Amino acid sequence: MDEYSRRQNRLEICMIEVDGKKLCIDPSLPVLRVLSRKYSLLVMLSIKINGKGSNFNNVKAHIPMSSSTIISKRLRELVNSGIISKSNAGGKLTYTLTEFGDRLLTSLEPFVKLVSDEATS
């Protein structure tokens, strides 16, 4: 198979149909990579539960048995991905979900339900 054919196959396989429109999954891959890392979703949920903003210690307290190093890495990755934002108010760092992060969590609810239903059937 030549290079052109390989590229065409790649273009075809990366497309999914959503609401009658064809979309390529490639732009979602970096976000999926971050979400699939250990504790990423728990960090997001911890921040969402707190609502008005969470500091590092709040997040870590919600995730027993986690290490400070891993939580720190996840926070940095989630900030760099635009899923959470970091602000410094009065010398205190706080994290909040961005609009994108909030929409992302909401969009995962059907997935979580599907997996939960499958696990209990």
PDB file of N, CA and C in Angstrom:
ATOM      1  N   MET A   1       0.852  -1.174   0.000  1.00  0.00           N
ATOM      2  CA  MET A   1       0.000   0.000   0.000  1.00  0.00           C
ATOM      3  C   MET A   1       0.900   1.242   0.000  1.00  0.00           C
ATOM      4  N   ASP A   2       0.599   2.182  -0.886  1.00  0.00           N
ATOM      5  CA  ASP A   2       1.424   3.389  -0.957  1.00  0.00           C
ATOM      6  C   ASP A   2       1.016   4.408   0.113  1.00  0.00           C
ATOM      7  N   GLU A   3       1.819   5.447   0.245  1.00  0.00           N
ATOM      8  CA  GLU A   3       1.609   6.470   1.283  1.00  0.00           C
ATOM      9  C   GLU A   3       0.250   7.155   1.137  1.00  0.00           C
ATOM     10  N   TYR A   4      -0.140   7.471  -0.079  1.00  0.00           N
ATOM     11  CA  TYR A   4      -1.430   8.123  -0.308  1.00  0.00           C
ATOM     12  C   TYR A   4      -2.579   7.243   0.183  1.00  0.00           C
ATOM     13  N   SER A   5      -2.525   5.962  -0.129  1.00  0.00           N
ATOM     14  CA  SER A   5      -3.580   5.034   0.302  1.00  0.00           C
ATOM     15  C   SER A   5      -3.628   4.922   1.817  1.00  0.00           C
ATOM     16  N   ARG A   6      -2.451   4.887   2.449  1.00  0.00           N
ATOM     17  CA  ARG A   6      -2.412   4.824   3.915  1.00  0.00           C
ATOM     18  C   ARG A   6      -3.051   6.068   4.530  1.00  0.00           C
ATOM     19  N   ARG A   7      -2.751   7.218   3.957  1.00  0.00           N
ATOM     20  CA  ARG A   7      -3.344   8.464   4.476  1.00  0.00           C
ATOM     21  C   ARG A   7      -4.858   8.476   4.277  1.00  0.00           C
ATOM     22  N   GLN A   8      -5.312   8.010   3.139  1.00  0.00           N
ATOM     23  CA  GLN A   8      -6.750   7.953   2.877  1.00  0.00           C
ATOM     24  C   GLN A   8      -7.439   7.016   3.862  1.00  0.00           C
ATOM     25  N   ASN A   9      -6.835   5.863   4.108  1.00  0.00           N
ATOM     26  CA  ASN A   9      -7.399   4.924   5.082  1.00  0.00           C
ATOM     27  C   ASN A   9      -7.465   5.568   6.460  1.00  0.00           C
ATOM     28  N   ARG A  10      -6.408   6.278   6.820  1.00  0.00           N
ATOM     29  CA  ARG A  10      -6.366   6.948   8.126  1.00  0.00           C
ATOM     30  C   ARG A  10      -7.474   7.991   8.224  1.00  0.00           C
ATOM     31  N   LEU A  11      -7.662   8.766   7.168  1.00  0.00           N
ATOM     32  CA  LEU A  11      -8.716   9.782   7.168  1.00  0.00           C
ATOM     33  C   LEU A  11     -10.097   9.154   7.303  1.00  0.00           C
ATOM     34  N   GLU A  12     -10.301   8.032   6.669  1.00  0.00           N
ATOM     35  CA  GLU A  12     -11.600   7.361   6.751  1.00  0.00           C
ATOM     36  C   GLU A  12     -11.855   6.791   8.140  1.00  0.00           C
ATOM     37  N   ILE A  13     -10.852   6.176   8.733  1.00  0.00           N
ATOM     38  CA  ILE A  13     -11.051   5.499  10.010  1.00  0.00           C
ATOM     39  C   ILE A  13     -11.219   6.487  11.167  1.00  0.00           C
ATOM     40  N   CYS A  14     -10.684   7.683  11.055  1.00  0.00           N
ATOM     41  CA  CYS A  14     -10.767   8.640  12.165  1.00  0.00           C
ATOM     42  C   CYS A  14     -12.098   9.388  12.201  1.00  0.00           C
ATOM     43  N   MET A  15     -12.955   9.164  11.223  1.00  0.00           N
ATOM     44  CA  MET A  15     -14.206   9.910  11.143  1.00  0.00           C
ATOM     45  C   MET A  15     -15.351   9.167  11.828  1.00  0.00           C
ATOM     46  N   ILE A  16     -16.143   9.936  12.584  1.00  0.00           N
ATOM     47  CA  ILE A  16     -17.379   9.405  13.156  1.00  0.00           C
ATOM     48  C   ILE A  16     -18.504  10.363  12.777  1.00  0.00           C
ATOM     49  N   GLU A  17     -19.717   9.855  12.782  1.00  0.00           N
ATOM     50  CA  GLU A  17     -20.856  10.698  12.449  1.00  0.00           C
ATOM     51  C   GLU A  17     -21.596  11.069  13.724  1.00  0.00           C
ATOM     52  N   VAL A  18     -21.789  12.376  13.914  1.00  0.00           N
ATOM     53  CA  VAL A  18     -22.492  12.903  15.082  1.00  0.00           C
ATOM     54  C   VAL A  18     -23.517  13.910  14.580  1.00  0.00           C
ATOM     55  N   ASP A  19     -24.779  13.663  14.887  1.00  0.00           N
ATOM     56  CA  ASP A  19     -25.862  14.564  14.465  1.00  0.00           C
ATOM     57  C   ASP A  19     -25.815  14.855  12.966  1.00  0.00           C
ATOM     58  N   GLY A  20     -25.524  13.837  12.180  1.00  0.00           N
ATOM     59  CA  GLY A  20     -25.506  13.993  10.734  1.00  0.00           C
ATOM     60  C   GLY A  20     -24.255  14.644  10.177  1.00  0.00           C
ATOM     61  N   LYS A  21     -23.290  14.959  11.026  1.00  0.00           N
ATOM     62  CA  LYS A  21     -22.042  15.579  10.571  1.00  0.00           C
ATOM     63  C   LYS A  21     -20.889  14.615  10.800  1.00  0.00           C
ATOM     64  N   LYS A  22     -19.952  14.581   9.849  1.00  0.00           N
ATOM     65  CA  LYS A  22     -18.754  13.761  10.023  1.00  0.00           C
ATOM     66  C   LYS A  22     -17.703  14.582  10.765  1.00  0.00           C
ATOM     67  N   LEU A  23     -17.179  13.973  11.833  1.00  0.00           N
ATOM     68  CA  LEU A  23     -16.155  14.625  12.644  1.00  0.00           C
ATOM     69  C   LEU A  23     -14.954  13.706  12.781  1.00  0.00           C
ATOM     70  N   CYS A  24     -13.769  14.300  12.768  1.00  0.00           N
ATOM     71  CA  CYS A  24     -12.545  13.536  12.974  1.00  0.00           C
ATOM     72  C   CYS A  24     -12.261  13.462  14.476  1.00  0.00           C
ATOM     73  N   ILE A  25     -11.891  12.290  14.963  1.00  0.00           N
ATOM     74  CA  ILE A  25     -11.635  12.117  16.397  1.00  0.00           C
ATOM     75  C   ILE A  25     -10.285  12.692  16.826  1.00  0.00           C
ATOM     76  N   ASP A  26      -9.409  13.002  15.881  1.00  0.00           N
ATOM     77  CA  ASP A  26      -8.050  13.420  16.232  1.00  0.00           C
ATOM     78  C   ASP A  26      -7.966  14.581  17.223  1.00  0.00           C
ATOM     79  N   PRO A  27      -8.768  15.649  17.090  1.00  0.00           N
ATOM     80  CA  PRO A  27      -8.657  16.734  18.071  1.00  0.00           C
ATOM     81  C   PRO A  27      -9.002  16.313  19.499  1.00  0.00           C
ATOM     82  N   SER A  28      -9.746  15.234  19.655  1.00  0.00           N
ATOM     83  CA  SER A  28     -10.124  14.791  20.998  1.00  0.00           C
ATOM     84  C   SER A  28      -9.051  13.932  21.664  1.00  0.00           C
ATOM     85  N   LEU A  29      -8.103  13.432  20.910  1.00  0.00           N
ATOM     86  CA  LEU A  29      -7.121  12.499  21.460  1.00  0.00           C
ATOM     87  C   LEU A  29      -6.265  13.079  22.586  1.00  0.00           C
ATOM     88  N   PRO A  30      -5.752  14.313  22.479  1.00  0.00           N
ATOM     89  CA  PRO A  30      -4.971  14.848  23.606  1.00  0.00           C
ATOM     90  C   PRO A  30      -5.794  14.964  24.894  1.00  0.00           C
ATOM     91  N   VAL A  31      -7.050  15.352  24.779  1.00  0.00           N
ATOM     92  CA  VAL A  31      -7.912  15.466  25.963  1.00  0.00           C
ATOM     93  C   VAL A  31      -8.187  14.081  26.540  1.00  0.00           C
ATOM     94  N   LEU A  32      -8.460  13.107  25.685  1.00  0.00           N
ATOM     95  CA  LEU A  32      -8.688  11.740  26.159  1.00  0.00           C
ATOM     96  C   LEU A  32      -7.454  11.188  26.865  1.00  0.00           C
ATOM     97  N   ARG A  33      -6.276  11.544  26.360  1.00  0.00           N
ATOM     98  CA  ARG A  33      -5.038  11.110  27.000  1.00  0.00           C
ATOM     99  C   ARG A  33      -4.945  11.649  28.422  1.00  0.00           C
ATOM    100  N   VAL A  34      -5.266  12.918  28.599  1.00  0.00           N
ATOM    101  CA  VAL A  34      -5.222  13.530  29.938  1.00  0.00           C
ATOM    102  C   VAL A  34      -6.280  12.899  30.832  1.00  0.00           C
ATOM    103  N   LEU A  35      -7.494  12.739  30.329  1.00  0.00           N
ATOM    104  CA  LEU A  35      -8.581  12.173  31.136  1.00  0.00           C
ATOM    105  C   LEU A  35      -8.305  10.736  31.568  1.00  0.00           C
ATOM    106  N   SER A  36      -7.549  10.004  30.758  1.00  0.00           N
ATOM    107  CA  SER A  36      -7.300   8.593  31.075  1.00  0.00           C
ATOM    108  C   SER A  36      -6.199   8.400  32.118  1.00  0.00           C
ATOM    109  N   ARG A  37      -5.523   9.465  32.475  1.00  0.00           N
ATOM    110  CA  ARG A  37      -4.458   9.328  33.470  1.00  0.00           C
ATOM    111  C   ARG A  37      -5.034   9.192  34.869  1.00  0.00           C
ATOM    112  N   LYS A  38      -4.284   8.491  35.694  1.00  0.00           N
ATOM    113  CA  LYS A  38      -4.691   8.204  37.070  1.00  0.00           C
ATOM    114  C   LYS A  38      -5.092   9.489  37.795  1.00  0.00           C
ATOM    115  N   TYR A  39      -6.270   9.469  38.376  1.00  0.00           N
ATOM    116  CA  TYR A  39      -6.837  10.526  39.212  1.00  0.00           C
ATOM    117  C   TYR A  39      -7.347  11.758  38.458  1.00  0.00           C
ATOM    118  N   SER A  40      -7.180  11.852  37.144  1.00  0.00           N
ATOM    119  CA  SER A  40      -7.630  13.057  36.433  1.00  0.00           C
ATOM    120  C   SER A  40      -9.108  13.342  36.678  1.00  0.00           C
ATOM    121  N   LEU A  41      -9.952  12.334  36.484  1.00  0.00           N
ATOM    122  CA  LEU A  41     -11.391  12.549  36.683  1.00  0.00           C
ATOM    123  C   LEU A  41     -11.713  12.836  38.144  1.00  0.00           C
ATOM    124  N   LEU A  42     -11.015  12.181  39.058  1.00  0.00           N
ATOM    125  CA  LEU A  42     -11.260  12.448  40.480  1.00  0.00           C
ATOM    126  C   LEU A  42     -10.862  13.875  40.848  1.00  0.00           C
ATOM    127  N   VAL A  43      -9.784  14.369  40.276  1.00  0.00           N
ATOM    128  CA  VAL A  43      -9.378  15.762  40.511  1.00  0.00           C
ATOM    129  C   VAL A  43     -10.466  16.698  40.002  1.00  0.00           C
ATOM    130  N   MET A  44     -10.966  16.442  38.800  1.00  0.00           N
ATOM    131  CA  MET A  44     -12.022  17.283  38.236  1.00  0.00           C
ATOM    132  C   MET A  44     -13.273  17.253  39.103  1.00  0.00           C
ATOM    133  N   LEU A  45     -13.660  16.063  39.550  1.00  0.00           N
ATOM    134  CA  LEU A  45     -14.861  15.942  40.386  1.00  0.00           C
ATOM    135  C   LEU A  45     -14.670  16.630  41.732  1.00  0.00           C
ATOM    136  N   SER A  46     -13.490  16.536  42.296  1.00  0.00           N
ATOM    137  CA  SER A  46     -13.205  17.211  43.559  1.00  0.00           C
ATOM    138  C   SER A  46     -13.373  18.721  43.413  1.00  0.00           C
ATOM    139  N   ILE A  47     -12.853  19.250  42.323  1.00  0.00           N
ATOM    140  CA  ILE A  47     -12.963  20.696  42.074  1.00  0.00           C
ATOM    141  C   ILE A  47     -14.424  21.079  41.844  1.00  0.00           C
ATOM    142  N   LYS A  48     -15.148  20.260  41.109  1.00  0.00           N
ATOM    143  CA  LYS A  48     -16.568  20.547  40.851  1.00  0.00           C
ATOM    144  C   LYS A  48     -17.374  20.525  42.144  1.00  0.00           C
ATOM    145  N   ILE A  49     -17.133  19.536  42.996  1.00  0.00           N
ATOM    146  CA  ILE A  49     -17.869  19.420  44.257  1.00  0.00           C
ATOM    147  C   ILE A  49     -17.666  20.661  45.119  1.00  0.00           C
ATOM    148  N   ASN A  50     -16.444  21.162  45.147  1.00  0.00           N
ATOM    149  CA  ASN A  50     -16.151  22.332  45.972  1.00  0.00           C
ATOM    150  C   ASN A  50     -16.808  23.593  45.417  1.00  0.00           C
ATOM    151  N   GLY A  51     -17.028  23.623  44.108  1.00  0.00           N
ATOM    152  CA  GLY A  51     -17.773  24.714  43.496  1.00  0.00           C
ATOM    153  C   GLY A  51     -17.027  26.022  43.348  1.00  0.00           C
ATOM    154  N   LYS A  52     -16.752  26.682  44.434  1.00  0.00           N
ATOM    155  CA  LYS A  52     -16.186  28.035  44.366  1.00  0.00           C
ATOM    156  C   LYS A  52     -14.682  28.053  44.123  1.00  0.00           C
ATOM    157  N   GLY A  53     -14.072  26.920  44.018  1.00  0.00           N
ATOM    158  CA  GLY A  53     -12.632  26.828  43.810  1.00  0.00           C
ATOM    159  C   GLY A  53     -12.002  25.976  44.887  1.00  0.00           C
ATOM    160  N   SER A  54     -11.037  25.210  44.488  1.00  0.00           N
ATOM    161  CA  SER A  54     -10.370  24.299  45.411  1.00  0.00           C
ATOM    162  C   SER A  54      -8.892  24.609  45.444  1.00  0.00           C
ATOM    163  N   ASN A  55      -8.300  24.429  46.597  1.00  0.00           N
ATOM    164  CA  ASN A  55      -6.850  24.514  46.645  1.00  0.00           C
ATOM    165  C   ASN A  55      -6.289  23.094  46.598  1.00  0.00           C
ATOM    166  N   PHE A  56      -4.988  22.995  46.522  1.00  0.00           N
ATOM    167  CA  PHE A  56      -4.328  21.699  46.401  1.00  0.00           C
ATOM    168  C   PHE A  56      -4.740  20.754  47.527  1.00  0.00           C
ATOM    169  N   ASN A  57      -4.748  21.245  48.754  1.00  0.00           N
ATOM    170  CA  ASN A  57      -5.062  20.388  49.904  1.00  0.00           C
ATOM    171  C   ASN A  57      -6.497  19.870  49.870  1.00  0.00           C
ATOM    172  N   ASN A  58      -7.449  20.702  49.394  1.00  0.00           N
ATOM    173  CA  ASN A  58      -8.836  20.233  49.240  1.00  0.00           C
ATOM    174  C   ASN A  58      -8.901  19.061  48.270  1.00  0.00           C
ATOM    175  N   VAL A  59      -8.227  19.221  47.143  1.00  0.00           N
ATOM    176  CA  VAL A  59      -8.243  18.179  46.115  1.00  0.00           C
ATOM    177  C   VAL A  59      -7.608  16.904  46.660  1.00  0.00           C
ATOM    178  N   LYS A  60      -6.449  17.039  47.260  1.00  0.00           N
ATOM    179  CA  LYS A  60      -5.741  15.859  47.783  1.00  0.00           C
ATOM    180  C   LYS A  60      -6.561  15.150  48.858  1.00  0.00           C
ATOM    181  N   ALA A  61      -7.276  15.900  49.688  1.00  0.00           N
ATOM    182  CA  ALA A  61      -8.093  15.301  50.754  1.00  0.00           C
ATOM    183  C   ALA A  61      -9.233  14.446  50.193  1.00  0.00           C
ATOM    184  N   HIS A  62      -9.716  14.793  48.998  1.00  0.00           N
ATOM    185  CA  HIS A  62     -10.798  14.026  48.374  1.00  0.00           C
ATOM    186  C   HIS A  62     -10.314  12.718  47.745  1.00  0.00           C
ATOM    187  N   ILE A  63      -9.004  12.564  47.602  1.00  0.00           N
ATOM    188  CA  ILE A  63      -8.469  11.399  46.894  1.00  0.00           C
ATOM    189  C   ILE A  63      -7.504  10.658  47.818  1.00  0.00           C
ATOM    190  N   PRO A  64      -8.041   9.827  48.702  1.00  0.00           N
ATOM    191  CA  PRO A  64      -7.190   9.103  49.652  1.00  0.00           C
ATOM    192  C   PRO A  64      -6.166   8.223  48.929  1.00  0.00           C
ATOM    193  N   MET A  65      -5.047   8.042  49.553  1.00  0.00           N
ATOM    194  CA  MET A  65      -3.972   7.181  49.050  1.00  0.00           C
ATOM    195  C   MET A  65      -3.258   7.767  47.832  1.00  0.00           C
ATOM    196  N   SER A  66      -3.567   8.990  47.451  1.00  0.00           N
ATOM    197  CA  SER A  66      -2.877   9.612  46.325  1.00  0.00           C
ATOM    198  C   SER A  66      -1.617  10.305  46.837  1.00  0.00           C
ATOM    199  N   SER A  67      -0.667  10.483  45.946  1.00  0.00           N
ATOM    200  CA  SER A  67       0.550  11.188  46.339  1.00  0.00           C
ATOM    201  C   SER A  67       0.462  12.651  45.911  1.00  0.00           C
ATOM    202  N   SER A  68       1.153  13.491  46.626  1.00  0.00           N
ATOM    203  CA  SER A  68       1.194  14.917  46.282  1.00  0.00           C
ATOM    204  C   SER A  68       1.763  15.117  44.886  1.00  0.00           C
ATOM    205  N   THR A  69       2.754  14.317  44.535  1.00  0.00           N
ATOM    206  CA  THR A  69       3.392  14.441  43.221  1.00  0.00           C
ATOM    207  C   THR A  69       2.395  14.182  42.102  1.00  0.00           C
ATOM    208  N   ILE A  70       1.630  13.124  42.229  1.00  0.00           N
ATOM    209  CA  ILE A  70       0.654  12.778  41.172  1.00  0.00           C
ATOM    210  C   ILE A  70      -0.444  13.823  41.089  1.00  0.00           C
ATOM    211  N   ILE A  71      -0.961  14.270  42.221  1.00  0.00           N
ATOM    212  CA  ILE A  71      -2.024  15.287  42.202  1.00  0.00           C
ATOM    213  C   ILE A  71      -1.497  16.568  41.570  1.00  0.00           C
ATOM    214  N   SER A  72      -0.292  16.943  41.912  1.00  0.00           N
ATOM    215  CA  SER A  72       0.324  18.137  41.335  1.00  0.00           C
ATOM    216  C   SER A  72       0.459  18.000  39.815  1.00  0.00           C
ATOM    217  N   LYS A  73       0.897  16.841  39.350  1.00  0.00           N
ATOM    218  CA  LYS A  73       1.014  16.598  37.902  1.00  0.00           C
ATOM    219  C   LYS A  73      -0.343  16.688  37.220  1.00  0.00           C
ATOM    220  N   ARG A  74      -1.364  16.047  37.813  1.00  0.00           N
ATOM    221  CA  ARG A  74      -2.688  16.074  37.203  1.00  0.00           C
ATOM    222  C   ARG A  74      -3.230  17.494  37.133  1.00  0.00           C
ATOM    223  N   LEU A  75      -3.064  18.258  38.204  1.00  0.00           N
ATOM    224  CA  LEU A  75      -3.531  19.648  38.190  1.00  0.00           C
ATOM    225  C   LEU A  75      -2.855  20.415  37.057  1.00  0.00           C
ATOM    226  N   ARG A  76      -1.549  20.263  36.919  1.00  0.00           N
ATOM    227  CA  ARG A  76      -0.806  20.961  35.867  1.00  0.00           C
ATOM    228  C   ARG A  76      -1.298  20.532  34.480  1.00  0.00           C
ATOM    229  N   GLU A  77      -1.488  19.226  34.268  1.00  0.00           N
ATOM    230  CA  GLU A  77      -1.959  18.733  32.971  1.00  0.00           C
ATOM    231  C   GLU A  77      -3.367  19.236  32.656  1.00  0.00           C
ATOM    232  N   LEU A  78      -4.227  19.245  33.654  1.00  0.00           N
ATOM    233  CA  LEU A  78      -5.599  19.717  33.446  1.00  0.00           C
ATOM    234  C   LEU A  78      -5.630  21.216  33.156  1.00  0.00           C
ATOM    235  N   VAL A  79      -4.757  21.979  33.807  1.00  0.00           N
ATOM    236  CA  VAL A  79      -4.648  23.417  33.506  1.00  0.00           C
ATOM    237  C   VAL A  79      -4.148  23.594  32.073  1.00  0.00           C
ATOM    238  N   ASN A  80      -3.077  22.882  31.717  1.00  0.00           N
ATOM    239  CA  ASN A  80      -2.494  23.009  30.372  1.00  0.00           C
ATOM    240  C   ASN A  80      -3.463  22.588  29.268  1.00  0.00           C
ATOM    241  N   SER A  81      -4.411  21.720  29.598  1.00  0.00           N
ATOM    242  CA  SER A  81      -5.407  21.258  28.618  1.00  0.00           C
ATOM    243  C   SER A  81      -6.634  22.157  28.554  1.00  0.00           C
ATOM    244  N   GLY A  82      -6.690  23.176  29.412  1.00  0.00           N
ATOM    245  CA  GLY A  82      -7.834  24.083  29.416  1.00  0.00           C
ATOM    246  C   GLY A  82      -9.059  23.520  30.108  1.00  0.00           C
ATOM    247  N   ILE A  83      -8.885  22.455  30.892  1.00  0.00           N
ATOM    248  CA  ILE A  83     -10.005  21.809  31.568  1.00  0.00           C
ATOM    249  C   ILE A  83     -10.280  22.460  32.918  1.00  0.00           C
ATOM    250  N   ILE A  84      -9.225  22.876  33.588  1.00  0.00           N
ATOM    251  CA  ILE A  84      -9.364  23.643  34.825  1.00  0.00           C
ATOM    252  C   ILE A  84      -8.528  24.905  34.694  1.00  0.00           C
ATOM    253  N   SER A  85      -8.827  25.881  35.534  1.00  0.00           N
ATOM    254  CA  SER A  85      -8.017  27.096  35.554  1.00  0.00           C
ATOM    255  C   SER A  85      -7.431  27.270  36.944  1.00  0.00           C
ATOM    256  N   LYS A  86      -6.319  27.973  36.986  1.00  0.00           N
ATOM    257  CA  LYS A  86      -5.620  28.222  38.240  1.00  0.00           C
ATOM    258  C   LYS A  86      -5.576  29.727  38.452  1.00  0.00           C
ATOM    259  N   SER A  87      -5.910  30.158  39.666  1.00  0.00           N
ATOM    260  CA  SER A  87      -5.811  31.586  39.961  1.00  0.00           C
ATOM    261  C   SER A  87      -5.129  31.772  41.308  1.00  0.00           C
ATOM    262  N   ASN A  88      -4.540  32.930  41.455  1.00  0.00           N
ATOM    263  CA  ASN A  88      -3.823  33.260  42.677  1.00  0.00           C
ATOM    264  C   ASN A  88      -4.490  34.485  43.287  1.00  0.00           C
ATOM    265  N   ALA A  89      -5.267  34.259  44.336  1.00  0.00           N
ATOM    266  CA  ALA A  89      -5.963  35.359  45.012  1.00  0.00           C
ATOM    267  C   ALA A  89      -5.401  35.497  46.421  1.00  0.00           C
ATOM    268  N   GLY A  90      -4.768  36.613  46.679  1.00  0.00           N
ATOM    269  CA  GLY A  90      -4.222  36.847  48.011  1.00  0.00           C
ATOM    270  C   GLY A  90      -3.155  35.845  48.410  1.00  0.00           C
ATOM    271  N   GLY A  91      -2.349  35.417  47.446  1.00  0.00           N
ATOM    272  CA  GLY A  91      -1.296  34.457  47.733  1.00  0.00           C
ATOM    273  C   GLY A  91      -1.776  33.025  47.870  1.00  0.00           C
ATOM    274  N   LYS A  92      -3.047  32.777  47.573  1.00  0.00           N
ATOM    275  CA  LYS A  92      -3.608  31.429  47.690  1.00  0.00           C
ATOM    276  C   LYS A  92      -4.007  30.916  46.307  1.00  0.00           C
ATOM    277  N   LEU A  93      -3.414  29.792  45.902  1.00  0.00           N
ATOM    278  CA  LEU A  93      -3.750  29.186  44.615  1.00  0.00           C
ATOM    279  C   LEU A  93      -5.067  28.441  44.716  1.00  0.00           C
ATOM    280  N   THR A  94      -5.948  28.699  43.763  1.00  0.00           N
ATOM    281  CA  THR A  94      -7.202  27.948  43.699  1.00  0.00           C
ATOM    282  C   THR A  94      -7.417  27.446  42.274  1.00  0.00           C
ATOM    283  N   TYR A  95      -8.124  26.350  42.186  1.00  0.00           N
ATOM    284  CA  TYR A  95      -8.431  25.716  40.912  1.00  0.00           C
ATOM    285  C   TYR A  95      -9.940  25.670  40.738  1.00  0.00           C
ATOM    286  N   THR A  96     -10.392  25.969  39.525  1.00  0.00           N
ATOM    287  CA  THR A  96     -11.809  25.871  39.188  1.00  0.00           C
ATOM    288  C   THR A  96     -11.937  25.200  37.819  1.00  0.00           C
ATOM    289  N   LEU A  97     -13.072  24.577  37.595  1.00  0.00           N
ATOM    290  CA  LEU A  97     -13.340  24.021  36.270  1.00  0.00           C
ATOM    291  C   LEU A  97     -13.576  25.166  35.298  1.00  0.00           C
ATOM    292  N   THR A  98     -13.038  25.052  34.117  1.00  0.00           N
ATOM    293  CA  THR A  98     -13.374  26.002  33.066  1.00  0.00           C
ATOM    294  C   THR A  98     -14.748  25.613  32.514  1.00  0.00           C
ATOM    295  N   GLU A  99     -15.301  26.452  31.673  1.00  0.00           N
ATOM    296  CA  GLU A  99     -16.569  26.100  31.029  1.00  0.00           C
ATOM    297  C   GLU A  99     -16.393  24.802  30.241  1.00  0.00           C
ATOM    298  N   PHE A 100     -15.263  24.691  29.562  1.00  0.00           N
ATOM    299  CA  PHE A 100     -14.965  23.463  28.817  1.00  0.00           C
ATOM    300  C   PHE A 100     -14.901  22.253  29.753  1.00  0.00           C
ATOM    301  N   GLY A 101     -14.231  22.398  30.890  1.00  0.00           N
ATOM    302  CA  GLY A 101     -14.128  21.305  31.858  1.00  0.00           C
ATOM    303  C   GLY A 101     -15.481  20.884  32.395  1.00  0.00           C
ATOM    304  N   ASP A 102     -16.331  21.865  32.656  1.00  0.00           N
ATOM    305  CA  ASP A 102     -17.674  21.560  33.153  1.00  0.00           C
ATOM    306  C   ASP A 102     -18.489  20.823  32.087  1.00  0.00           C
ATOM    307  N   ARG A 103     -18.409  21.303  30.848  1.00  0.00           N
ATOM    308  CA  ARG A 103     -19.117  20.637  29.748  1.00  0.00           C
ATOM    309  C   ARG A 103     -18.564  19.234  29.510  1.00  0.00           C
ATOM    310  N   LEU A 104     -17.262  19.087  29.674  1.00  0.00           N
ATOM    311  CA  LEU A 104     -16.623  17.786  29.503  1.00  0.00           C
ATOM    312  C   LEU A 104     -17.135  16.785  30.536  1.00  0.00           C
ATOM    313  N   LEU A 105     -17.206  17.198  31.793  1.00  0.00           N
ATOM    314  CA  LEU A 105     -17.743  16.308  32.831  1.00  0.00           C
ATOM    315  C   LEU A 105     -19.190  15.932  32.534  1.00  0.00           C
ATOM    316  N   THR A 106     -19.983  16.909  32.119  1.00  0.00           N
ATOM    317  CA  THR A 106     -21.383  16.642  31.784  1.00  0.00           C
ATOM    318  C   THR A 106     -21.485  15.650  30.627  1.00  0.00           C
ATOM    319  N   SER A 107     -20.609  15.801  29.636  1.00  0.00           N
ATOM    320  CA  SER A 107     -20.654  14.897  28.478  1.00  0.00           C
ATOM    321  C   SER A 107     -20.222  13.479  28.835  1.00  0.00           C
ATOM    322  N   LEU A 108     -19.496  13.316  29.931  1.00  0.00           N
ATOM    323  CA  LEU A 108     -19.057  11.983  30.355  1.00  0.00           C
ATOM    324  C   LEU A 108     -20.134  11.216  31.122  1.00  0.00           C
ATOM    325  N   GLU A 109     -21.171  11.910  31.577  1.00  0.00           N
ATOM    326  CA  GLU A 109     -22.217  11.250  32.366  1.00  0.00           C
ATOM    327  C   GLU A 109     -22.863  10.071  31.628  1.00  0.00           C
ATOM    328  N   PRO A 110     -23.249  10.210  30.343  1.00  0.00           N
ATOM    329  CA  PRO A 110     -23.821   9.051  29.641  1.00  0.00           C
ATOM    330  C   PRO A 110     -22.830   7.885  29.533  1.00  0.00           C
ATOM    331  N   PHE A 111     -21.564   8.198  29.347  1.00  0.00           N
ATOM    332  CA  PHE A 111     -20.531   7.163  29.283  1.00  0.00           C
ATOM    333  C   PHE A 111     -20.430   6.414  30.612  1.00  0.00           C
ATOM    334  N   VAL A 112     -20.385   7.154  31.712  1.00  0.00           N
ATOM    335  CA  VAL A 112     -20.295   6.539  33.039  1.00  0.00           C
ATOM    336  C   VAL A 112     -21.525   5.672  33.294  1.00  0.00           C
ATOM    337  N   LYS A 113     -22.700   6.167  32.909  1.00  0.00           N
ATOM    338  CA  LYS A 113     -23.930   5.385  33.092  1.00  0.00           C
ATOM    339  C   LYS A 113     -23.883   4.104  32.264  1.00  0.00           C
ATOM    340  N   LEU A 114     -23.456   4.208  31.011  1.00  0.00           N
ATOM    341  CA  LEU A 114     -23.355   3.040  30.138  1.00  0.00           C
ATOM    342  C   LEU A 114     -22.437   1.981  30.748  1.00  0.00           C
ATOM    343  N   VAL A 115     -21.268   2.395  31.199  1.00  0.00           N
ATOM    344  CA  VAL A 115     -20.306   1.451  31.778  1.00  0.00           C
ATOM    345  C   VAL A 115     -20.849   0.860  33.075  1.00  0.00           C
ATOM    346  N   SER A 116     -21.485   1.687  33.882  1.00  0.00           N
ATOM    347  CA  SER A 116     -22.066   1.215  35.139  1.00  0.00           C
ATOM    348  C   SER A 116     -23.178   0.201  34.880  1.00  0.00           C
ATOM    349  N   ASP A 117     -24.048   0.511  33.929  1.00  0.00           N
ATOM    350  CA  ASP A 117     -25.132  -0.416  33.576  1.00  0.00           C
ATOM    351  C   ASP A 117     -24.576  -1.741  33.066  1.00  0.00           C
ATOM    352  N   GLU A 118     -23.548  -1.661  32.255  1.00  0.00           N
ATOM    353  CA  GLU A 118     -22.938  -2.874  31.692  1.00  0.00           C
ATOM    354  C   GLU A 118     -22.291  -3.715  32.791  1.00  0.00           C
ATOM    355  N   ALA A 119     -21.672  -3.057  33.751  1.00  0.00           N
ATOM    356  CA  ALA A 119     -20.990  -3.768  34.840  1.00  0.00           C
ATOM    357  C   ALA A 119     -21.976  -4.475  35.765  1.00  0.00           C
ATOM    358  N   THR A 120     -23.191  -3.944  35.857  1.00  0.00           N
ATOM    359  CA  THR A 120     -24.175  -4.530  36.771  1.00  0.00           C
ATOM    360  C   THR A 120     -25.157  -5.463  36.068  1.00  0.00           C
ATOM    361  N   SER A 121     -25.001  -5.627  34.758  1.00  0.00           N
ATOM    362  CA  SER A 121     -25.943  -6.515  34.047  1.00  0.00           C
ATOM    363  C   SER A 121     -25.402  -7.925  33.928  1.00  0.00           C
TER     364      SER A 121
END
